[in-house]
Amino acid sequence: MDEKKFKGVFTAIITPFKTDESVDYDALGKLIEFQIKNGVAGVVPCGTTGESPTLNHDEHKKVIEFVIKRVNKRCFVIAGTGSNCTKEAVELSMDAERAGADALLLVNPYYNKPTQEGLFLHFKKIADSVKIPVVVYNIKGRTGVNVETPTLMRIISACPNVIAVKEASGDLNQMKDVISKAPAYFSVLSGDDNMTLSLIKAGGVGIISVASNAVPSEIVKMVDFALGGDFSEAEKINSSLASFFENIFIETNPIPIKFVLAQKRMCEEVYRLPMCEMTKGHKEKVSVLIKQMGLI
């Protein structure tokens, strides 16, 4: 096997809430249609952008089931099923597999800061519990631990269904090291919108994107140009989106991107604590930018 299964743009989709903080499935369905219409390779429900830490287990399962049913095989669904409790992650992963997910996204265990051996055993336990593909999500800034390259190579070697990594370590050299050492079938996807083009130039093959919640067609075009070797056109789009990439992380994700979508009338501006609305000054700054971009 030398063909990469996952390439292109995968949207880390938000979880819209109603004013009573219940999941707004009508809005979620419309967001999914917007993504598919604009050509994304897949959607990723129940990741950090989907506010998964504040979804209870029943909601988590129902959101994934809803997304799978609504997508109806029109693009990939990579279900976020990670946890800092391995047993919990196994249960969520098996549920997602039964529901028909195409793959799983497994974030580093957060807060408990396992050793590299603990990380290896954690990912192996989950990967061994399912038959569908697994994407490791390496994000030290959110979890306090980094999946070192030798550890990732051990995981890949021991688990044939671990076929991709979402790299959000912020370390391009580490990403290049992974690309140089991973098997030909293994996909390295960016976890940071502003690093997507640099990663593709280094041999990566796509992005699990926050920005594409609001501007999917632009992100798809940029990635398609880059994967096709037209870096000049890709750079033009990347440059035009640089301020947007910066501003959607002006506060903790997914606060700004949900604000943008609310301004576009695609969801309510409702979060679950400890996520909360942006400051007035940041709202004004983002509003000016998205008006200039023609998003509202």
Foldseek 3Di string as FASTA:
>chain_A
DQAAPDFFEEEAAAFFADPVRHTDLVLVLVLLVVLLVLPGQYYEYLDVLNVNVPDDPVRLLVVLLSSCVSCVPSHAYAYEQEELDLVSSLVSLVSSVVSPHQEYEYEQHADVADDLVVRLVSLQSNLVSDDHAYEYEADCVGGVDGNQLVSVQSNVVNHVRDAEYADRPVDLVRLLVNQVPPGSRHAYAYAALLCRLVSVVSPHGYYHDHVCSQVVNLSRVLSVCSNVVNNVVNVVSSVVCVVVSVLCVPDPPPQSSLLLCVVLVSHPNDDDPPDDHDDPVSSVVVVVVCVVVVSD
